[in-house]
Structures are given as C-alpha cells and as structure tokens.
C-alpha cells in the first residue's frame, strides 16, 4: 500500500488519536465533576478539611475568608457558570494562587460589591448574585434589547401566577407516588440496590458505571474511564469525589444533603416527615406530559422541586440546589423508563444536569437486596495523610478569591 512520504505510520496515528481521546475525555470528566476549578491537594492538618475555614486549606484567600473550605469550589463553580467561563479565565493554570490575571482582581472587587449590596439591602440574603447581571456572559448588558418577535417573549416560570388547574393535595400526590412504585410494604423491604449500566457525559461516548446503594443513606457511583475510575460517594454522613490524577474533594454540606436524596432507597416513604413543609404549587409540563409540582421547603434554603407525572404518579424530575457563598447552583435529575424489579418500580434511565454539563445514565441490570459490605462506602486514605505521617512538608491547595 502506498503511503505519503513523511506521513506517520498507521499505528502511530492511532496511538496519537487514542491519546487525544483520553485527554479530551479526562477534561470532560474533570469539568463534569464540577471540581476542575481550583483543585489541588489540601493542607495536611489531620482534621477534616470540610470543617475548616477556606483560608486554612487554600492559599491566597482574600474576600472569601471564613466560609467552609468545602464550599469554596462550588462557589468558584457558581462564578464560572454565571460568566460562562472556565478556571483559566481568572486563574493561572497549575498556579491558581497567583494574582497575575486582571479578571481575578476584578472578581474580588465584584464579590465585595455583591456582599455590600446584599448586606445593606437584603439582610445579607443572596438576592443579588453574579448571575443577576452576567447571565452567562463576561460582560453584562446595560441596555435592554428591543423586541423583534413578540411570540418569543415569555415570563419566567418562577414569577408566573399559579395555573388554575385542579390538582391533588400534596398528601394525595405522595400517596399516589408510593402506590405507583409498588406500595409502601414493597418499597420498605428494599435494603440495597446494585445498578450496572453506562453513562454519557454531555453527549460523549458511553462509559461503564456501577452504582451501589444501601440503606442508611450510603451510595457510591464508580465510573470507569480510560485511565482509572471516577468516584462519587456518600457514607451516610459525609461525601467525596475523586478522579484519576486529581485529589479527593470533600462534598460541601448542601452537596451532602442533595446526595442523601439520591441515596435514599425509601425517599417516597420519608417525604412527609423529612422536610419542614411540602406544598403543592402548580401544574407543569415535563416532556409532553402534565406533572404536579411539589415544593419541599427547608428552613433558610432554596426549596427542592419535585415533579410527579399526573397520569402515572411517578417522580419524573427533581430540582435541588447547591448553596455557595455567592448563590445557588441548580442540579436537575430527570427520571424515565421505570421498570418493575422484584415488585418495585425503578427508573432505568435518568439524566443529571448541572450548569454546563449533564450525565445521561442508562441502566442494564438492577439487583435488589444483595449483600453490600459497609467497607464499600469507606473513604480511602488521602495521600496528604501519608505525607503528614512521614513528616514530609505540608502542601497548600490552589488559590481562590
């Protein structure tokens, strides 16, 4: 076979293509974990860094001093989502603590401005945020656009008047959900679940995934990637995430609360007692089907939104929020393809969407009430702990505003 002079052999080209694929995939995974912003090894102090102030765990903290360290990365993610940028817009790659870039200096001033506005006008509530003005752009629009097509103008759902549809009471909606799943007795007998399938990140290639869930709010999701495993885990009390070549990151308090909803095998039975208040709000359309919206109210937090299909009674969408120092980040999970597994309906497809990334999970096999050892959910030892024991110098984390 003729080959153009100077062109690389086929095997070499395939190897280079494979390397490019792995590098691109790893970047997607890093972004998908919502942890690519300012991640590096935390200072080895021997204590749980989640409970320490950010300035004791990360380098060069100025205007965000005092917030929990586990809340810093979600806060950086909130800024990135509000401006439609990535870490490198403000930070020097591999030297995040440096102040070389002007946008980082500007970000600090903007954060101080937001704090002043909210403190002076909204009793320190997070009413004005980065997204209030930026709306996904680095430059806020100062002048309203003129109308070009009135048919496209719409009022956001959050400010619409409730639609005058006749819907069930909250108790009736939840009772119908429990019955649709198979009944309270069937749901209550489920003590563990193992799900095997695939996940696609933002439309990328399918990757193998296995999810282990056990009563008492324990869950671990293991995604196989070309260079290892990407893990998201909850041991019933705390949660963490890890990816190949990156340090383990603790979940913030609000991330743990959201993960507990995902890990609760008996969530349907707990809804009436788990939260401060549940309120039926209005009817929405999910896909092309009407759904009843129930707001789950927490004291001081943004409500969790539960959408139940009016016809089947099943939960088809949940919207929860990660609280950060600057605002709330939405996490939306859409459930589909419910199937009967040992007398209980289980979704075999769901999509978890965050700002800028989504995970499409398809399950091939579900096993219920199988033995899962508690050690499956134990957080592995971090490298920083080993450095401390061997008296190696302590190293600080990446920087943030």
Protein backbone atom coordinates (compact mmCIF):
# COMPACT_ATOMS: atom_id res chain seq x y z
CA UNK A 1 0.00 0.00 0.00
CA UNK A 2 1.30 3.43 -0.96
CA UNK A 3 1.86 5.92 1.85
CA UNK A 4 2.53 9.63 1.51
CA UNK A 5 6.17 10.44 2.22
CA UNK A 6 6.58 11.92 5.68
CA UNK A 7 3.18 10.75 7.00
CA UNK A 8 3.26 8.82 10.30
CA UNK A 9 2.60 5.07 10.28
CA UNK A 10 -0.99 3.99 10.89
CA UNK A 11 -0.19 2.53 14.32
CA UNK A 12 1.38 5.83 15.40
CA UNK A 13 -1.60 7.84 14.14
CA UNK A 14 -3.99 5.55 16.02
CA UNK A 15 -1.90 5.89 19.20
CA UNK A 16 -1.94 9.69 18.89
CA UNK A 17 -5.69 9.67 18.29
CA UNK A 18 -6.18 7.47 21.34
CA UNK A 19 -4.08 9.84 23.47
CA UNK A 20 -6.11 12.80 22.25
CA UNK A 21 -9.34 10.95 23.02
CA UNK A 22 -8.19 10.10 26.55
CA UNK A 23 -7.01 13.67 27.19
CA UNK A 24 -10.28 15.14 25.93
CA UNK A 25 -12.35 12.64 27.90
CA UNK A 26 -10.42 13.34 31.10
CA UNK A 27 -11.00 17.07 30.65
CA UNK A 28 -14.74 16.46 30.22
CA UNK A 29 -14.79 14.29 33.32
CA UNK A 30 -12.92 16.89 35.33
CA UNK A 31 -15.43 19.55 34.33
CA UNK A 32 -18.33 17.18 34.84
CA UNK A 33 -17.25 16.57 38.40
CA UNK A 34 -17.68 20.29 38.94
CA UNK A 35 -14.32 20.18 40.61
CA UNK A 36 -11.92 21.34 37.93
CA UNK A 37 -11.95 24.84 39.36
CA UNK A 38 -9.05 25.45 41.75
CA UNK A 39 -8.48 21.84 42.79
CA UNK A 40 -5.24 20.66 44.34
CA UNK A 41 -4.06 18.83 47.41
CA UNK A 42 -5.40 20.26 50.68
CA UNK A 43 -3.14 21.18 53.56
CA UNK A 44 -2.44 18.09 55.65
CA UNK A 45 -3.67 19.07 59.10
CA UNK A 46 -5.02 15.74 60.30
CA UNK A 47 -8.53 17.21 60.69
CA UNK A 48 -11.39 17.04 58.27
CA UNK A 49 -10.75 19.98 55.89
CA UNK A 50 -14.50 20.29 55.30
CA UNK A 51 -14.89 21.87 58.74
CA UNK A 52 -12.02 24.33 58.39
CA UNK A 53 -12.21 27.90 57.09
CA UNK A 54 -11.21 28.21 53.44
CA UNK A 55 -8.12 30.30 54.23
CA UNK A 56 -6.69 27.46 56.34
CA UNK A 57 -6.96 24.96 53.49
CA UNK A 58 -6.38 27.06 50.36
CA UNK A 59 -3.71 29.61 49.51
CA UNK A 60 -4.16 33.33 48.99
CA UNK A 61 -7.78 33.70 50.12
CA UNK A 62 -8.89 37.33 50.40
CA UNK A 63 -12.61 38.15 50.20
CA UNK A 64 -13.98 34.66 50.93
CA UNK A 65 -12.29 34.20 54.29
CA UNK A 66 -14.39 32.37 56.84
CA UNK A 67 -16.52 30.26 54.52
CA UNK A 68 -16.26 26.45 54.94
CA UNK A 69 -13.42 25.08 52.83
CA UNK A 70 -15.74 22.54 51.18
CA UNK A 71 -17.90 25.42 49.95
CA UNK A 72 -15.09 27.19 48.12
CA UNK A 73 -15.03 25.01 45.00
CA UNK A 74 -18.83 25.17 44.48
CA UNK A 75 -18.52 28.95 44.87
CA UNK A 76 -15.89 29.03 42.11
CA UNK A 77 -18.19 26.88 40.01
CA UNK A 78 -21.02 29.36 40.59
CA UNK A 79 -18.83 32.20 39.28
CA UNK A 80 -17.79 30.15 36.23
CA UNK A 81 -21.40 29.23 35.41
CA UNK A 82 -22.61 32.81 35.88
CA UNK A 83 -19.97 34.22 33.50
CA UNK A 84 -19.82 31.26 31.09
CA UNK A 85 -16.08 30.77 31.60
CA UNK A 86 -13.62 28.16 32.84
CA UNK A 87 -10.96 28.36 35.56
CA UNK A 88 -8.29 29.73 33.23
CA UNK A 89 -10.27 32.94 32.69
CA UNK A 90 -9.20 34.14 36.15
CA UNK A 91 -6.51 31.70 37.23
CA UNK A 92 -3.01 30.80 36.05
CA UNK A 93 -3.02 27.13 35.09
CA UNK A 94 -1.20 24.97 37.67
CA UNK A 95 -0.58 28.07 39.83
CA UNK A 96 -4.06 29.11 40.88
CA UNK A 97 -2.78 31.07 43.88
CA UNK A 98 -1.09 33.65 41.67
CA UNK A 99 -2.71 37.05 41.06
CA UNK A 100 -1.26 37.59 37.58
CA UNK A 101 -4.58 37.89 35.73
CA UNK A 102 -6.69 41.03 35.88
CA UNK A 103 -10.05 39.16 35.85
CA UNK A 104 -9.11 37.63 39.21
CA UNK A 105 -8.58 41.09 40.70
CA UNK A 106 -11.87 42.23 39.18
CA UNK A 107 -13.65 39.17 40.59
CA UNK A 108 -12.58 40.08 44.12
CA UNK A 109 -13.95 43.60 43.71
CA UNK A 110 -17.22 42.26 42.31
CA UNK A 111 -17.61 39.83 45.23
CA UNK A 112 -17.10 42.72 47.68
CA UNK A 113 -19.72 44.70 45.77
CA UNK A 114 -22.23 41.83 45.96
CA UNK A 115 -21.67 41.41 49.68
CA UNK A 116 -22.24 45.13 50.21
CA UNK A 117 -25.46 45.18 48.15
CA UNK A 118 -26.92 42.13 49.89
CA UNK A 119 -25.84 43.20 53.38
CA UNK A 120 -27.18 46.73 53.05
CA UNK A 121 -30.40 45.97 51.21
CA UNK A 122 -31.42 42.33 51.73
CA UNK A 123 -30.38 41.46 55.30
CA UNK A 124 -27.35 39.56 53.97
CA UNK A 125 -29.57 37.32 51.82
CA UNK A 126 -28.16 36.19 48.47
CA UNK A 127 -30.66 38.13 46.38
CA UNK A 128 -28.19 39.82 44.03
CA UNK A 129 -25.59 37.42 42.60
CA UNK A 130 -23.08 37.24 39.75
CA UNK A 131 -25.78 35.75 37.53
CA UNK A 132 -28.19 38.63 38.22
CA UNK A 133 -26.24 40.77 35.77
CA UNK A 134 -23.91 38.48 33.84
CA UNK A 135 -26.39 35.84 32.63
CA UNK A 136 -23.64 33.61 31.25
CA UNK A 137 -21.52 36.40 29.75
CA UNK A 138 -18.35 38.11 30.94
CA UNK A 139 -19.85 41.49 30.05
CA UNK A 140 -23.29 42.30 31.49
CA UNK A 141 -25.78 44.01 29.20
CA UNK A 142 -26.50 47.55 30.39
CA UNK A 143 -29.17 48.29 27.78
CA UNK A 144 -32.35 46.21 27.33
CA UNK A 145 -32.78 44.75 23.82
CA UNK A 146 -35.67 45.87 21.62
CA UNK A 147 -38.42 43.35 20.91
CA UNK A 148 -38.15 41.70 17.49
CA UNK A 149 -40.58 38.81 17.90
CA UNK A 150 -43.33 39.15 20.49
CA UNK A 151 -44.25 35.49 20.19
CA UNK A 152 -40.90 34.59 21.76
CA UNK A 153 -41.34 36.79 24.81
CA UNK A 154 -42.27 34.80 27.89
CA UNK A 155 -42.48 35.23 31.63
CA UNK A 156 -40.13 33.02 33.65
CA UNK A 157 -41.93 30.14 35.38
CA UNK A 158 -40.70 31.35 38.77
CA UNK A 159 -42.74 34.56 38.53
CA UNK A 160 -45.86 33.23 36.80
CA UNK A 161 -49.17 33.12 38.59
CA UNK A 162 -50.18 29.55 39.54
CA UNK A 163 -52.26 27.95 36.83
CA UNK A 164 -55.90 27.32 37.77
CA UNK A 165 -55.64 23.55 37.25
CA UNK A 166 -57.39 21.24 39.65
CA UNK A 167 -54.59 19.12 41.13
CA UNK A 168 -54.35 16.73 44.03
CA UNK A 169 -53.28 17.72 47.51
CA UNK A 170 -49.65 17.14 48.49
CA UNK A 171 -50.58 14.10 50.61
CA UNK A 172 -52.57 12.60 47.73
CA UNK A 173 -49.69 13.15 45.29
CA UNK A 174 -47.20 11.41 47.60
CA UNK A 175 -49.58 8.55 48.35
CA UNK A 176 -50.13 8.04 44.62
CA UNK A 177 -46.34 8.03 44.12
CA UNK A 178 -45.88 5.33 46.77
CA UNK A 179 -48.59 3.18 45.19
CA UNK A 180 -47.12 3.70 41.71
CA UNK A 181 -43.76 2.39 42.97
CA UNK A 182 -45.40 -0.78 44.24
CA UNK A 183 -46.78 0.15 47.64
CA UNK A 184 -45.24 1.06 50.98
CA UNK A 185 -44.55 -2.56 52.00
CA UNK A 186 -42.67 -3.34 48.79
CA UNK A 187 -40.64 -0.12 48.98
CA UNK A 188 -39.79 -0.67 52.64
CA UNK A 189 -38.39 -4.16 52.02
CA UNK A 190 -35.63 -2.81 49.73
CA UNK A 191 -32.42 -2.66 51.77
CA UNK A 192 -29.85 -2.40 48.98
CA UNK A 193 -29.57 -1.92 45.24
CA UNK A 194 -26.81 -2.50 42.69
CA UNK A 195 -27.21 -0.89 39.27
CA UNK A 196 -24.97 -1.63 36.30
CA UNK A 197 -25.02 0.30 33.05
CA UNK A 198 -23.41 3.16 31.15
CA UNK A 199 -23.12 6.93 31.39
CA UNK A 200 -22.57 9.53 28.71
CA UNK A 201 -21.17 12.91 29.75
CA UNK A 202 -22.57 15.85 27.78
CA UNK A 203 -23.21 13.68 24.74
CA UNK A 204 -19.79 11.98 24.83
CA UNK A 205 -19.02 8.27 24.49
CA UNK A 206 -20.69 5.78 26.83
CA UNK A 207 -18.62 4.71 29.81
CA UNK A 208 -19.29 1.77 32.16
CA UNK A 209 -20.84 2.71 35.51
CA UNK A 210 -21.84 0.78 38.61
CA UNK A 211 -23.86 2.23 41.46
CA UNK A 212 -24.08 0.63 44.91
CA UNK A 213 -26.80 1.91 47.28
CA UNK A 214 -27.53 0.72 50.79
CA UNK A 215 -29.98 1.76 53.49
CA UNK A 216 -28.86 4.45 55.95
CA UNK A 217 -28.08 6.77 53.05
CA UNK A 218 -24.97 5.08 51.65
CA UNK A 219 -24.15 5.23 47.96
CA UNK A 220 -21.11 5.01 45.73
CA UNK A 221 -21.01 5.52 41.96
CA UNK A 222 -17.98 4.15 40.12
CA UNK A 223 -17.43 5.23 36.53
CA UNK A 224 -14.72 3.52 34.52
CA UNK A 225 -12.60 5.90 32.46
CA UNK A 226 -9.59 5.12 30.22
CA UNK A 227 -7.06 5.92 32.95
CA UNK A 228 -8.86 4.67 36.04
CA UNK A 229 -12.07 5.30 37.98
CA UNK A 230 -14.12 8.39 38.71
CA UNK A 231 -15.93 8.01 42.03
CA UNK A 232 -18.74 9.87 43.79
CA UNK A 233 -19.53 8.52 47.24
CA UNK A 234 -21.64 9.09 50.34
CA UNK A 235 -21.09 7.11 53.54
CA UNK A 236 -24.31 8.27 55.17
CA UNK A 237 -22.64 11.23 56.88
CA UNK A 238 -20.09 12.78 54.52
CA UNK A 239 -19.42 12.61 50.80
CA UNK A 240 -16.50 12.98 48.43
CA UNK A 241 -15.48 12.82 44.77
CA UNK A 242 -12.31 11.62 43.11
CA UNK A 243 -10.94 11.22 39.60
CA UNK A 244 -7.68 9.82 38.18
CA UNK A 245 -4.77 12.17 38.70
CA UNK A 246 -6.78 14.55 40.89
CA UNK A 247 -7.06 14.87 44.65
CA UNK A 248 -10.08 13.70 46.53
CA UNK A 249 -12.55 16.53 47.20
CA UNK A 250 -14.98 16.65 50.11
CA UNK A 251 -18.62 17.49 49.40
CA UNK A 252 -19.99 20.65 50.97
CA UNK A 253 -22.87 20.43 53.44
CA UNK A 254 -25.52 21.22 50.81
CA UNK A 255 -23.96 18.76 48.34
CA UNK A 256 -24.22 16.07 51.01
CA UNK A 257 -27.90 16.92 51.55
CA UNK A 258 -28.55 16.54 47.84
CA UNK A 259 -26.64 13.27 47.67
CA UNK A 260 -28.76 11.94 50.55
CA UNK A 261 -31.88 12.41 48.44
CA UNK A 262 -30.31 10.37 45.64
CA UNK A 263 -29.18 7.66 48.06
CA UNK A 264 -32.45 7.27 49.99
CA UNK A 265 -34.00 3.95 48.95
CA UNK A 266 -37.15 4.88 50.91
CA UNK A 267 -37.42 8.54 49.87
CA UNK A 268 -41.10 8.12 48.90
CA UNK A 269 -41.90 6.97 52.44
CA UNK A 270 -39.82 9.72 54.06
CA UNK A 271 -41.13 12.73 52.14
CA UNK A 272 -43.90 13.62 54.58
CA UNK A 273 -41.61 13.57 57.61
CA UNK A 274 -38.23 14.51 56.16
CA UNK A 275 -38.81 18.18 55.48
CA UNK A 276 -40.14 21.27 57.20
CA UNK A 277 -43.03 21.70 54.77
CA UNK A 278 -44.30 20.33 51.47
CA UNK A 279 -46.54 22.48 49.31
CA UNK A 280 -48.34 21.69 46.06
CA UNK A 281 -47.56 24.59 43.76
CA UNK A 282 -48.88 24.19 40.22
CA UNK A 283 -49.01 22.02 37.11
CA UNK A 284 -46.03 21.98 34.75
CA UNK A 285 -45.29 20.12 31.52
CA UNK A 286 -42.39 17.64 31.57
CA UNK A 287 -41.70 16.47 28.05
CA UNK A 288 -45.25 16.43 26.70
CA UNK A 289 -46.94 15.19 29.88
CA UNK A 290 -48.53 17.25 32.69
CA UNK A 291 -46.83 16.97 36.07
CA UNK A 292 -47.68 18.19 39.57
CA UNK A 293 -45.02 20.38 41.16
CA UNK A 294 -44.48 19.94 44.89
CA UNK A 295 -42.10 22.30 46.70
CA UNK A 296 -40.08 20.85 49.56
CA UNK A 297 -39.25 23.67 51.95
CA UNK A 298 -36.10 23.80 54.08
CA UNK A 299 -35.52 26.40 56.73
CA UNK A 300 -33.36 29.09 55.14
CA UNK A 301 -32.69 27.13 51.93
CA UNK A 302 -33.99 27.29 48.37
CA UNK A 303 -36.90 24.81 48.03
CA UNK A 304 -36.38 21.42 46.40
CA UNK A 305 -38.76 20.94 43.47
CA UNK A 306 -40.43 17.56 42.92
CA UNK A 307 -42.38 16.86 39.72
CA UNK A 308 -44.82 13.92 39.67
CA UNK A 309 -46.37 12.68 36.44
CA UNK A 310 -50.13 13.24 36.69
CA UNK A 311 -51.02 10.03 34.89
CA UNK A 312 -48.61 7.50 36.41
CA UNK A 313 -47.95 9.26 39.72
CA UNK A 314 -44.21 8.56 39.39
CA UNK A 315 -41.46 11.07 40.16
CA UNK A 316 -40.18 12.35 36.81
CA UNK A 317 -37.98 15.29 37.88
CA UNK A 318 -36.27 16.65 40.96
CA UNK A 319 -34.52 20.03 41.09
CA UNK A 320 -32.29 20.73 44.06
CA UNK A 321 -29.71 23.40 44.77
CA UNK A 322 -26.12 23.55 45.97
CA UNK A 323 -25.61 26.51 48.28
CA UNK A 324 -22.44 28.55 47.77
CA UNK A 325 -21.06 31.73 49.29
CA UNK A 326 -22.42 33.72 46.33
CA UNK A 327 -25.64 31.99 45.28
CA UNK A 328 -27.40 28.72 44.48
CA UNK A 329 -26.38 26.23 41.79
CA UNK A 330 -29.20 24.10 40.33
CA UNK A 331 -28.98 20.32 39.94
CA UNK A 332 -31.77 18.73 37.91
CA UNK A 333 -32.44 14.98 37.69
CA UNK A 334 -34.96 13.66 35.13
CA UNK A 335 -36.17 10.07 35.58
CA UNK A 336 -37.60 7.80 32.86
CA UNK A 337 -38.16 4.19 31.82
CA UNK A 338 -39.49 2.87 35.12
CA UNK A 339 -39.49 -0.93 35.28
CA UNK A 340 -40.61 -3.47 37.84
CA UNK A 341 -37.77 -5.03 39.83
CA UNK A 342 -38.92 -7.51 42.47
CA UNK A 343 -42.21 -5.70 42.89
CA UNK A 344 -40.80 -2.13 42.99
CA UNK A 345 -40.66 0.33 40.10
CA UNK A 346 -37.11 1.55 39.42
CA UNK A 347 -36.01 4.12 36.79
CA UNK A 348 -33.65 2.60 34.23
CA UNK A 349 -32.78 5.95 32.68
CA UNK A 350 -32.08 9.31 34.25
CA UNK A 351 -30.24 12.48 33.34
CA UNK A 352 -28.43 14.57 35.93
CA UNK A 353 -27.87 18.11 34.70
CA UNK A 354 -25.69 20.85 36.18
CA UNK A 355 -24.58 24.21 34.85
CA UNK A 356 -22.65 23.42 31.67
CA UNK A 357 -22.65 19.62 31.92
CA UNK A 358 -25.03 16.68 32.03
CA UNK A 359 -24.82 12.94 32.73
CA UNK A 360 -27.11 10.56 30.84
CA UNK A 361 -27.30 7.24 32.71
CA UNK A 362 -28.75 4.08 31.20
CA UNK A 363 -29.10 1.00 33.41
CA UNK A 364 -28.91 -2.51 32.01
CA UNK A 365 -29.19 -4.53 35.19
CA UNK A 366 -30.65 -3.95 38.67
CA UNK A 367 -30.17 -6.24 41.67
CA UNK A 368 -32.03 -5.61 44.92
CA UNK A 369 -31.44 -6.79 48.50
CA UNK A 370 -27.96 -8.07 47.73
CA UNK A 371 -25.17 -8.13 50.29
CA UNK A 372 -23.00 -4.98 50.15
CA UNK A 373 -20.22 -4.71 52.70
CA UNK A 374 -20.05 -1.38 54.56
CA UNK A 375 -16.37 -1.12 53.63
CA UNK A 376 -17.53 -0.35 50.07
CA UNK A 377 -18.50 3.13 51.23
CA UNK A 378 -15.46 3.89 53.39
CA UNK A 379 -13.44 6.87 52.20
CA UNK A 380 -9.93 5.82 51.14
CA UNK A 381 -6.88 7.31 52.82
CA UNK A 382 -5.72 10.53 51.21
CA UNK A 383 -2.09 10.98 50.12
CA UNK A 384 -1.86 14.05 52.36
CA UNK A 385 -2.33 11.82 55.43
CA UNK A 386 0.69 9.75 54.37
CA UNK A 387 2.81 12.89 53.90
CA UNK A 388 1.94 14.00 57.39
CA UNK A 389 2.88 10.65 58.92
CA UNK A 390 6.24 10.61 57.11
CA UNK A 391 6.93 14.22 58.13
CA UNK A 392 7.04 15.46 54.57
CA UNK A 393 6.41 19.19 54.18
CA UNK A 394 2.78 20.21 54.23
CA UNK A 395 1.50 21.50 50.93
CA UNK A 396 -1.25 24.04 50.40
CA UNK A 397 -4.09 23.96 47.92
CA UNK A 398 -4.87 26.05 44.93
CA UNK A 399 -5.99 29.59 45.38
CA UNK A 400 -9.27 31.38 45.01
CA UNK A 401 -10.58 34.90 45.60
